[in-house]
């Protein structure tokens, strides 16, 4: 549920700024699981182990959910790396 709240916080910002929306989609695509089309539910979602590891290394807690501002900052950084 906490991840859903993050998505709800990011959606209006992405709707207002198409460049941010593209950066967020680029980040989501980078985090997808390999061979995601071979496993149910056939969605490009990241592996839960990977997400837990990323949250632990970034925030010191496997169950952490990043603030929307951190996600936006990271997405913009990825967008500038292209």
N, C-alpha and C. Protein backbone atom coordinates (compact mmCIF):
# COMPACT_ATOMS: atom_id res chain seq x y z
N UNK A 1 0.83 -1.20 0.00
CA UNK A 1 0.00 0.00 0.00
C UNK A 1 0.86 1.26 0.00
N UNK A 2 2.02 1.18 0.70
CA UNK A 2 2.88 2.37 0.73
C UNK A 2 3.48 2.67 -0.63
N UNK A 3 3.76 1.64 -1.42
CA UNK A 3 4.28 1.86 -2.77
C UNK A 3 3.21 2.48 -3.66
N UNK A 4 1.97 2.09 -3.43
CA UNK A 4 0.87 2.66 -4.19
C UNK A 4 0.74 4.16 -3.89
N UNK A 5 0.96 4.53 -2.65
CA UNK A 5 0.92 5.96 -2.28
C UNK A 5 2.03 6.72 -2.99
N UNK A 6 3.19 6.10 -3.16
CA UNK A 6 4.28 6.74 -3.90
C UNK A 6 3.85 6.97 -5.35
N UNK A 7 3.24 5.97 -5.95
CA UNK A 7 2.77 6.11 -7.34
C UNK A 7 1.73 7.23 -7.43
N UNK A 8 0.83 7.29 -6.46
CA UNK A 8 -0.18 8.36 -6.45
C UNK A 8 0.45 9.74 -6.26
N UNK A 9 1.56 9.82 -5.58
CA UNK A 9 2.25 11.10 -5.41
C UNK A 9 2.99 11.49 -6.69
N UNK A 10 3.49 10.51 -7.42
CA UNK A 10 4.27 10.80 -8.63
C UNK A 10 3.39 11.07 -9.85
N UNK A 11 2.23 10.44 -9.92
CA UNK A 11 1.37 10.53 -11.11
C UNK A 11 0.97 11.97 -11.46
N UNK A 12 0.48 12.77 -10.52
CA UNK A 12 0.10 14.14 -10.91
C UNK A 12 1.28 14.98 -11.37
N UNK A 13 2.42 14.77 -10.76
CA UNK A 13 3.62 15.52 -11.17
C UNK A 13 4.04 15.13 -12.57
N UNK A 14 3.94 13.84 -12.89
CA UNK A 14 4.29 13.37 -14.23
C UNK A 14 3.28 13.85 -15.26
N UNK A 15 2.02 13.97 -14.85
CA UNK A 15 0.98 14.43 -15.77
C UNK A 15 1.20 15.88 -16.17
N UNK A 16 1.73 16.67 -15.24
CA UNK A 16 1.96 18.10 -15.51
C UNK A 16 3.24 18.31 -16.30
N UNK A 17 4.24 17.45 -16.07
CA UNK A 17 5.54 17.60 -16.74
C UNK A 17 5.84 16.36 -17.58
N UNK A 18 5.62 16.42 -18.89
CA UNK A 18 5.88 15.26 -19.74
C UNK A 18 7.33 14.79 -19.72
N UNK A 19 8.28 15.69 -19.54
CA UNK A 19 9.68 15.29 -19.46
C UNK A 19 9.94 14.43 -18.24
N UNK A 20 9.33 14.78 -17.12
CA UNK A 20 9.45 13.98 -15.91
C UNK A 20 8.79 12.63 -16.10
N UNK A 21 7.66 12.61 -16.78
CA UNK A 21 6.97 11.34 -17.05
C UNK A 21 7.89 10.41 -17.85
N UNK A 22 8.56 10.95 -18.85
CA UNK A 22 9.47 10.13 -19.66
C UNK A 22 10.63 9.62 -18.81
N UNK A 23 11.16 10.48 -17.94
CA UNK A 23 12.26 10.05 -17.06
C UNK A 23 11.80 8.96 -16.10
N UNK A 24 10.60 9.09 -15.54
CA UNK A 24 10.08 8.08 -14.62
C UNK A 24 9.85 6.75 -15.33
N UNK A 25 9.35 6.80 -16.56
CA UNK A 25 9.17 5.57 -17.33
C UNK A 25 10.51 4.93 -17.65
N UNK A 26 11.50 5.74 -17.93
CA UNK A 26 12.84 5.22 -18.20
C UNK A 26 13.40 4.51 -16.97
N UNK A 27 13.20 5.09 -15.80
CA UNK A 27 13.67 4.46 -14.56
C UNK A 27 12.93 3.16 -14.32
N UNK A 28 11.61 3.16 -14.50
CA UNK A 28 10.83 1.94 -14.31
C UNK A 28 11.30 0.84 -15.26
N UNK A 29 11.60 1.21 -16.48
CA UNK A 29 12.06 0.22 -17.46
C UNK A 29 13.43 -0.33 -17.08
N UNK A 30 14.30 0.49 -16.51
CA UNK A 30 15.62 0.03 -16.09
C UNK A 30 15.54 -0.97 -14.94
N UNK A 31 14.52 -0.83 -14.09
CA UNK A 31 14.40 -1.68 -12.91
C UNK A 31 13.66 -2.99 -13.19
N UNK A 32 13.14 -3.18 -14.37
CA UNK A 32 12.33 -4.36 -14.66
C UNK A 32 13.15 -5.65 -14.52
N UNK A 33 12.45 -6.73 -14.26
CA UNK A 33 13.09 -8.05 -14.18
C UNK A 33 13.42 -8.54 -15.59
N UNK A 34 14.50 -9.26 -15.69
CA UNK A 34 14.82 -9.89 -16.97
C UNK A 34 13.79 -10.98 -17.24
N UNK A 35 13.46 -11.17 -18.47
CA UNK A 35 12.49 -12.19 -18.90
C UNK A 35 11.15 -12.03 -18.19
N UNK A 36 10.72 -10.80 -17.96
CA UNK A 36 9.47 -10.54 -17.27
C UNK A 36 8.26 -11.06 -18.04
N UNK A 37 8.37 -11.18 -19.34
CA UNK A 37 7.25 -11.63 -20.16
C UNK A 37 7.03 -13.14 -20.03
N UNK A 38 7.93 -13.85 -19.39
CA UNK A 38 7.80 -15.30 -19.25
C UNK A 38 7.11 -15.73 -17.96
N UNK A 39 6.90 -14.79 -17.05
CA UNK A 39 6.31 -15.12 -15.74
C UNK A 39 5.07 -14.31 -15.48
N UNK A 40 4.12 -14.95 -14.83
CA UNK A 40 2.93 -14.22 -14.40
C UNK A 40 3.34 -13.14 -13.42
N UNK A 41 2.78 -12.01 -13.43
CA UNK A 41 1.61 -11.51 -14.14
C UNK A 41 1.94 -10.84 -15.47
N UNK A 42 3.07 -11.15 -16.06
CA UNK A 42 3.49 -10.62 -17.36
C UNK A 42 3.58 -9.09 -17.35
N UNK A 43 4.12 -8.55 -16.28
CA UNK A 43 4.33 -7.11 -16.15
C UNK A 43 5.82 -6.85 -15.90
N UNK A 44 6.33 -5.75 -16.43
CA UNK A 44 7.76 -5.46 -16.23
C UNK A 44 8.05 -4.90 -14.84
N UNK A 45 7.84 -5.71 -13.81
CA UNK A 45 8.07 -5.30 -12.43
C UNK A 45 9.45 -5.74 -11.98
N UNK A 46 10.06 -4.99 -11.07
CA UNK A 46 11.39 -5.41 -10.58
C UNK A 46 11.27 -6.57 -9.60
N UNK A 47 12.29 -7.39 -9.51
CA UNK A 47 12.28 -8.48 -8.52
C UNK A 47 12.24 -7.89 -7.10
N UNK A 48 11.45 -8.50 -6.24
CA UNK A 48 11.30 -7.97 -4.88
C UNK A 48 12.61 -8.01 -4.11
N UNK A 49 13.45 -9.03 -4.35
CA UNK A 49 14.75 -9.09 -3.67
C UNK A 49 15.62 -7.89 -4.04
N UNK A 50 15.56 -7.52 -5.30
CA UNK A 50 16.35 -6.38 -5.77
C UNK A 50 15.87 -5.08 -5.13
N UNK A 51 14.56 -4.91 -5.08
CA UNK A 51 13.99 -3.70 -4.49
C UNK A 51 14.36 -3.62 -3.00
N UNK A 52 14.25 -4.75 -2.29
CA UNK A 52 14.61 -4.75 -0.87
C UNK A 52 16.09 -4.40 -0.69
N UNK A 53 16.95 -4.94 -1.53
CA UNK A 53 18.37 -4.63 -1.45
C UNK A 53 18.63 -3.15 -1.73
N UNK A 54 17.98 -2.60 -2.76
CA UNK A 54 18.15 -1.17 -3.08
C UNK A 54 17.68 -0.29 -1.94
N UNK A 55 16.56 -0.64 -1.31
CA UNK A 55 16.05 0.16 -0.20
C UNK A 55 16.97 0.04 1.02
N UNK A 56 17.53 -1.13 1.24
CA UNK A 56 18.46 -1.31 2.35
C UNK A 56 19.73 -0.50 2.15
N UNK A 57 20.28 -0.53 0.94
CA UNK A 57 21.52 0.20 0.69
C UNK A 57 21.29 1.71 0.67
N UNK A 58 20.11 2.15 0.30
CA UNK A 58 19.84 3.59 0.22
C UNK A 58 19.34 4.16 1.55
N UNK A 59 18.48 3.42 2.24
CA UNK A 59 17.81 3.97 3.42
C UNK A 59 18.06 3.18 4.70
N UNK A 60 18.78 2.06 4.61
CA UNK A 60 19.08 1.28 5.80
C UNK A 60 17.93 0.44 6.29
N UNK A 61 16.90 0.28 5.47
CA UNK A 61 15.72 -0.50 5.85
C UNK A 61 15.15 -1.16 4.60
N UNK A 62 15.04 -2.47 4.64
CA UNK A 62 14.52 -3.19 3.47
C UNK A 62 13.07 -2.83 3.16
N UNK A 63 12.33 -2.40 4.14
CA UNK A 63 10.91 -2.08 3.94
C UNK A 63 10.66 -0.61 3.64
N UNK A 64 11.71 0.17 3.48
CA UNK A 64 11.57 1.60 3.23
C UNK A 64 10.91 1.84 1.87
N UNK A 65 10.19 2.93 1.80
CA UNK A 65 9.64 3.42 0.53
C UNK A 65 10.23 4.81 0.33
N UNK A 66 10.88 5.04 -0.80
CA UNK A 66 11.55 6.33 -0.97
C UNK A 66 10.54 7.48 -1.08
N UNK A 67 10.93 8.65 -0.60
CA UNK A 67 10.07 9.82 -0.79
C UNK A 67 9.97 10.17 -2.27
N UNK A 68 8.88 10.77 -2.65
CA UNK A 68 8.66 11.13 -4.06
C UNK A 68 9.78 12.03 -4.57
N UNK A 69 10.26 12.94 -3.74
CA UNK A 69 11.33 13.84 -4.18
C UNK A 69 12.61 13.08 -4.52
N UNK A 70 12.92 12.03 -3.77
CA UNK A 70 14.11 11.23 -4.09
C UNK A 70 13.95 10.52 -5.43
N UNK A 71 12.77 10.00 -5.69
CA UNK A 71 12.51 9.31 -6.96
C UNK A 71 12.61 10.29 -8.12
N UNK A 72 12.05 11.47 -7.94
CA UNK A 72 12.10 12.49 -8.99
C UNK A 72 13.54 12.92 -9.23
N UNK A 73 14.30 13.13 -8.18
CA UNK A 73 15.70 13.52 -8.33
C UNK A 73 16.49 12.46 -9.09
N UNK A 74 16.27 11.19 -8.74
CA UNK A 74 16.95 10.10 -9.42
C UNK A 74 16.53 10.01 -10.89
N UNK A 75 15.23 10.16 -11.15
CA UNK A 75 14.74 10.09 -12.53
C UNK A 75 15.32 11.20 -13.38
N UNK A 76 15.41 12.40 -12.83
CA UNK A 76 16.00 13.51 -13.58
C UNK A 76 17.49 13.27 -13.84
N UNK A 77 18.17 12.69 -12.85
CA UNK A 77 19.59 12.36 -13.04
C UNK A 77 19.76 11.34 -14.16
N UNK A 78 18.92 10.33 -14.18
CA UNK A 78 18.96 9.32 -15.25
C UNK A 78 18.68 10.00 -16.59
N UNK A 79 17.70 10.89 -16.62
CA UNK A 79 17.38 11.60 -17.86
C UNK A 79 18.53 12.42 -18.39
N UNK A 80 19.32 13.00 -17.49
CA UNK A 80 20.48 13.80 -17.93
C UNK A 80 21.63 12.92 -18.40
N UNK A 81 21.65 11.66 -18.00
CA UNK A 81 22.74 10.74 -18.39
C UNK A 81 22.62 10.26 -19.82
N UNK A 82 21.46 10.44 -20.44
CA UNK A 82 21.27 9.96 -21.81
C UNK A 82 22.15 10.67 -22.78
